[in-house]
Amino acid sequence: MTPDQLFMAYLVAALSVISIVVIYYELRRKRFEPTPSRDRIFRCKKCAFVYTDDADVERSRCPSCGVMNEEIEF
């Protein structure tokens, strides 16, 4: 085996190990992160209270003062 082939084999092996470790830790991180909530975010026009409600409602009543509000658009 020539020195060039030996160096290339070492380089490929090292990059393969690094890639496998990165993929493993990325899959592990995704498994333990909380899933994003599907709830909608609302802000009351009267009292400025910020709250969430189910994803299937377009307008929601403020739990603080009872005013109907639209969803916040980011």
N, C-alpha and C. Protein backbone atom coordinates (compact mmCIF):
# COMPACT_ATOMS: atom_id res chain seq x y z
N MET A 1 0.84 -1.17 0.00
CA MET A 1 0.00 0.00 0.00
C MET A 1 0.89 1.24 0.00
N THR A 2 0.61 2.16 -0.87
CA THR A 2 1.42 3.37 -0.95
C THR A 2 1.00 4.33 0.16
N PRO A 3 1.86 5.27 0.48
CA PRO A 3 1.52 6.25 1.52
C PRO A 3 0.27 7.06 1.17
N ASP A 4 0.06 7.35 -0.12
CA ASP A 4 -1.13 8.10 -0.52
C ASP A 4 -2.41 7.30 -0.25
N GLN A 5 -2.38 6.01 -0.56
CA GLN A 5 -3.54 5.16 -0.31
C GLN A 5 -3.78 4.98 1.18
N LEU A 6 -2.72 4.85 1.93
CA LEU A 6 -2.84 4.72 3.38
C LEU A 6 -3.44 5.98 4.00
N PHE A 7 -2.98 7.13 3.55
CA PHE A 7 -3.52 8.40 4.04
C PHE A 7 -5.00 8.53 3.66
N MET A 8 -5.36 8.15 2.43
CA MET A 8 -6.75 8.25 1.99
C MET A 8 -7.64 7.30 2.78
N ALA A 9 -7.17 6.10 3.06
CA ALA A 9 -7.94 5.14 3.86
C ALA A 9 -8.15 5.67 5.27
N TYR A 10 -7.12 6.25 5.87
CA TYR A 10 -7.23 6.83 7.21
C TYR A 10 -8.23 7.98 7.21
N LEU A 11 -8.17 8.82 6.21
CA LEU A 11 -9.06 9.97 6.11
C LEU A 11 -10.52 9.53 5.95
N VAL A 12 -10.76 8.57 5.08
CA VAL A 12 -12.13 8.07 4.87
C VAL A 12 -12.66 7.41 6.14
N ALA A 13 -11.83 6.65 6.82
CA ALA A 13 -12.25 6.00 8.06
C ALA A 13 -12.58 7.03 9.13
N ALA A 14 -11.76 8.04 9.27
CA ALA A 14 -12.01 9.08 10.28
C ALA A 14 -13.29 9.85 9.98
N LEU A 15 -13.50 10.22 8.73
CA LEU A 15 -14.72 10.94 8.35
C LEU A 15 -15.96 10.07 8.52
N SER A 16 -15.83 8.78 8.27
CA SER A 16 -16.96 7.87 8.47
C SER A 16 -17.35 7.78 9.93
N VAL A 17 -16.36 7.67 10.81
CA VAL A 17 -16.63 7.60 12.24
C VAL A 17 -17.27 8.90 12.73
N ILE A 18 -16.76 10.02 12.30
CA ILE A 18 -17.33 11.31 12.69
C ILE A 18 -18.76 11.44 12.20
N SER A 19 -19.04 11.03 10.98
CA SER A 19 -20.39 11.09 10.43
C SER A 19 -21.36 10.22 11.21
N ILE A 20 -20.93 9.03 11.56
CA ILE A 20 -21.79 8.12 12.33
C ILE A 20 -22.09 8.71 13.70
N VAL A 21 -21.10 9.29 14.35
CA VAL A 21 -21.31 9.90 15.68
C VAL A 21 -22.27 11.08 15.57
N VAL A 22 -22.13 11.91 14.55
CA VAL A 22 -23.02 13.07 14.38
C VAL A 22 -24.45 12.60 14.14
N ILE A 23 -24.64 11.61 13.30
CA ILE A 23 -25.99 11.09 13.03
C ILE A 23 -26.60 10.50 14.30
N TYR A 24 -25.81 9.75 15.06
CA TYR A 24 -26.30 9.16 16.30
C TYR A 24 -26.78 10.23 17.29
N TYR A 25 -25.95 11.25 17.51
CA TYR A 25 -26.33 12.29 18.46
C TYR A 25 -27.49 13.15 17.97
N GLU A 26 -27.61 13.34 16.67
CA GLU A 26 -28.74 14.09 16.13
C GLU A 26 -30.05 13.32 16.33
N LEU A 27 -30.05 12.03 16.08
CA LEU A 27 -31.23 11.21 16.33
C LEU A 27 -31.57 11.15 17.81
N ARG A 28 -30.57 11.07 18.64
CA ARG A 28 -30.79 11.04 20.08
C ARG A 28 -31.37 12.37 20.58
N ARG A 29 -30.88 13.49 20.08
CA ARG A 29 -31.38 14.80 20.48
C ARG A 29 -32.84 14.96 20.07
N LYS A 30 -33.19 14.55 18.86
CA LYS A 30 -34.57 14.68 18.39
C LYS A 30 -35.53 13.83 19.21
N ARG A 31 -35.07 12.71 19.69
CA ARG A 31 -35.94 11.82 20.44
C ARG A 31 -36.33 12.42 21.79
N PHE A 32 -35.47 13.22 22.41
CA PHE A 32 -35.73 13.74 23.74
C PHE A 32 -36.24 15.18 23.76
N GLU A 33 -36.28 15.86 22.62
CA GLU A 33 -36.81 17.21 22.58
C GLU A 33 -38.33 17.18 22.64
N PRO A 34 -38.95 18.16 23.26
CA PRO A 34 -40.41 18.20 23.26
C PRO A 34 -40.93 18.49 21.85
N THR A 35 -42.06 17.91 21.54
CA THR A 35 -42.66 18.15 20.23
C THR A 35 -43.31 19.53 20.22
N PRO A 36 -43.27 20.22 19.09
CA PRO A 36 -43.89 21.54 19.04
C PRO A 36 -45.40 21.44 19.22
N SER A 37 -45.93 22.39 19.92
CA SER A 37 -47.36 22.42 20.19
C SER A 37 -48.13 22.91 18.97
N ARG A 38 -49.28 22.33 18.74
CA ARG A 38 -50.13 22.74 17.63
C ARG A 38 -51.11 23.85 18.05
N ASP A 39 -51.06 24.24 19.32
CA ASP A 39 -51.96 25.28 19.81
C ASP A 39 -51.70 26.62 19.12
N ARG A 40 -52.73 27.42 19.02
CA ARG A 40 -52.61 28.76 18.47
C ARG A 40 -52.40 29.76 19.60
N ILE A 41 -51.69 30.84 19.30
CA ILE A 41 -51.38 31.86 20.30
C ILE A 41 -52.29 33.06 20.06
N PHE A 42 -52.89 33.54 21.14
CA PHE A 42 -53.79 34.68 21.09
C PHE A 42 -53.31 35.77 22.04
N ARG A 43 -53.62 37.02 21.71
CA ARG A 43 -53.33 38.14 22.61
C ARG A 43 -54.60 38.99 22.69
N CYS A 44 -55.04 39.24 23.90
CA CYS A 44 -56.27 39.98 24.12
C CYS A 44 -56.09 41.45 23.72
N LYS A 45 -57.07 41.97 22.98
CA LYS A 45 -57.02 43.37 22.56
C LYS A 45 -57.34 44.32 23.71
N LYS A 46 -58.06 43.84 24.70
CA LYS A 46 -58.48 44.70 25.81
C LYS A 46 -57.45 44.72 26.95
N CYS A 47 -57.03 43.53 27.41
CA CYS A 47 -56.16 43.48 28.59
C CYS A 47 -54.72 43.05 28.26
N ALA A 48 -54.41 42.73 27.00
CA ALA A 48 -53.07 42.34 26.52
C ALA A 48 -52.59 41.02 27.11
N PHE A 49 -53.52 40.19 27.59
CA PHE A 49 -53.17 38.88 28.12
C PHE A 49 -52.83 37.95 26.95
N VAL A 50 -51.72 37.23 27.05
CA VAL A 50 -51.31 36.28 26.01
C VAL A 50 -51.64 34.88 26.49
N TYR A 51 -52.33 34.10 25.63
CA TYR A 51 -52.75 32.75 26.00
C TYR A 51 -52.81 31.87 24.75
N THR A 52 -52.96 30.57 24.96
CA THR A 52 -53.07 29.63 23.84
C THR A 52 -54.43 28.95 23.88
N ASP A 53 -54.82 28.43 22.71
CA ASP A 53 -56.05 27.67 22.59
C ASP A 53 -55.84 26.59 21.54
N ASP A 54 -56.79 25.71 21.39
CA ASP A 54 -56.67 24.60 20.45
C ASP A 54 -56.44 25.08 19.03
N ALA A 55 -55.85 24.20 18.22
CA ALA A 55 -55.52 24.55 16.84
C ALA A 55 -56.75 24.64 15.95
N ASP A 56 -57.88 24.09 16.38
CA ASP A 56 -59.06 24.07 15.52
C ASP A 56 -59.97 25.29 15.69
N VAL A 57 -59.61 26.25 16.52
CA VAL A 57 -60.43 27.45 16.70
C VAL A 57 -59.76 28.65 16.03
N GLU A 58 -60.57 29.49 15.39
CA GLU A 58 -60.03 30.69 14.75
C GLU A 58 -60.09 31.91 15.67
N ARG A 59 -61.13 31.96 16.50
CA ARG A 59 -61.27 33.03 17.48
C ARG A 59 -61.41 32.39 18.85
N SER A 60 -60.87 33.05 19.87
CA SER A 60 -60.90 32.49 21.21
C SER A 60 -61.25 33.57 22.23
N ARG A 61 -61.94 33.13 23.27
CA ARG A 61 -62.33 34.06 24.34
C ARG A 61 -61.20 34.16 25.36
N CYS A 62 -60.85 35.39 25.72
CA CYS A 62 -59.79 35.65 26.70
C CYS A 62 -60.21 35.09 28.06
N PRO A 63 -59.36 34.27 28.70
CA PRO A 63 -59.72 33.73 30.01
C PRO A 63 -59.68 34.79 31.11
N SER A 64 -59.04 35.90 30.85
CA SER A 64 -58.93 36.95 31.86
C SER A 64 -60.13 37.89 31.86
N CYS A 65 -60.52 38.38 30.66
CA CYS A 65 -61.60 39.38 30.63
C CYS A 65 -62.79 38.97 29.76
N GLY A 66 -62.69 37.90 28.98
CA GLY A 66 -63.82 37.39 28.22
C GLY A 66 -64.02 37.98 26.83
N VAL A 67 -63.10 38.77 26.33
CA VAL A 67 -63.21 39.37 25.00
C VAL A 67 -62.76 38.35 23.95
N MET A 68 -63.47 38.28 22.79
CA MET A 68 -63.09 37.38 21.71
C MET A 68 -61.90 37.99 20.94
N ASN A 69 -60.92 37.16 20.61
CA ASN A 69 -59.70 37.63 19.97
C ASN A 69 -59.33 36.76 18.78
N GLU A 70 -58.59 37.38 17.86
CA GLU A 70 -58.05 36.67 16.69
C GLU A 70 -56.67 36.13 17.04
N GLU A 71 -56.21 35.14 16.25
CA GLU A 71 -54.90 34.57 16.45
C GLU A 71 -53.80 35.58 16.10
N ILE A 72 -52.66 35.51 16.80
CA ILE A 72 -51.52 36.36 16.50
C ILE A 72 -50.81 35.79 15.29
N GLU A 73 -50.46 36.64 14.34
CA GLU A 73 -49.68 36.24 13.17
C GLU A 73 -48.25 36.69 13.37
N PHE A 74 -47.30 35.77 13.29
CA PHE A 74 -45.89 36.11 13.43
C PHE A 74 -45.28 36.33 12.08
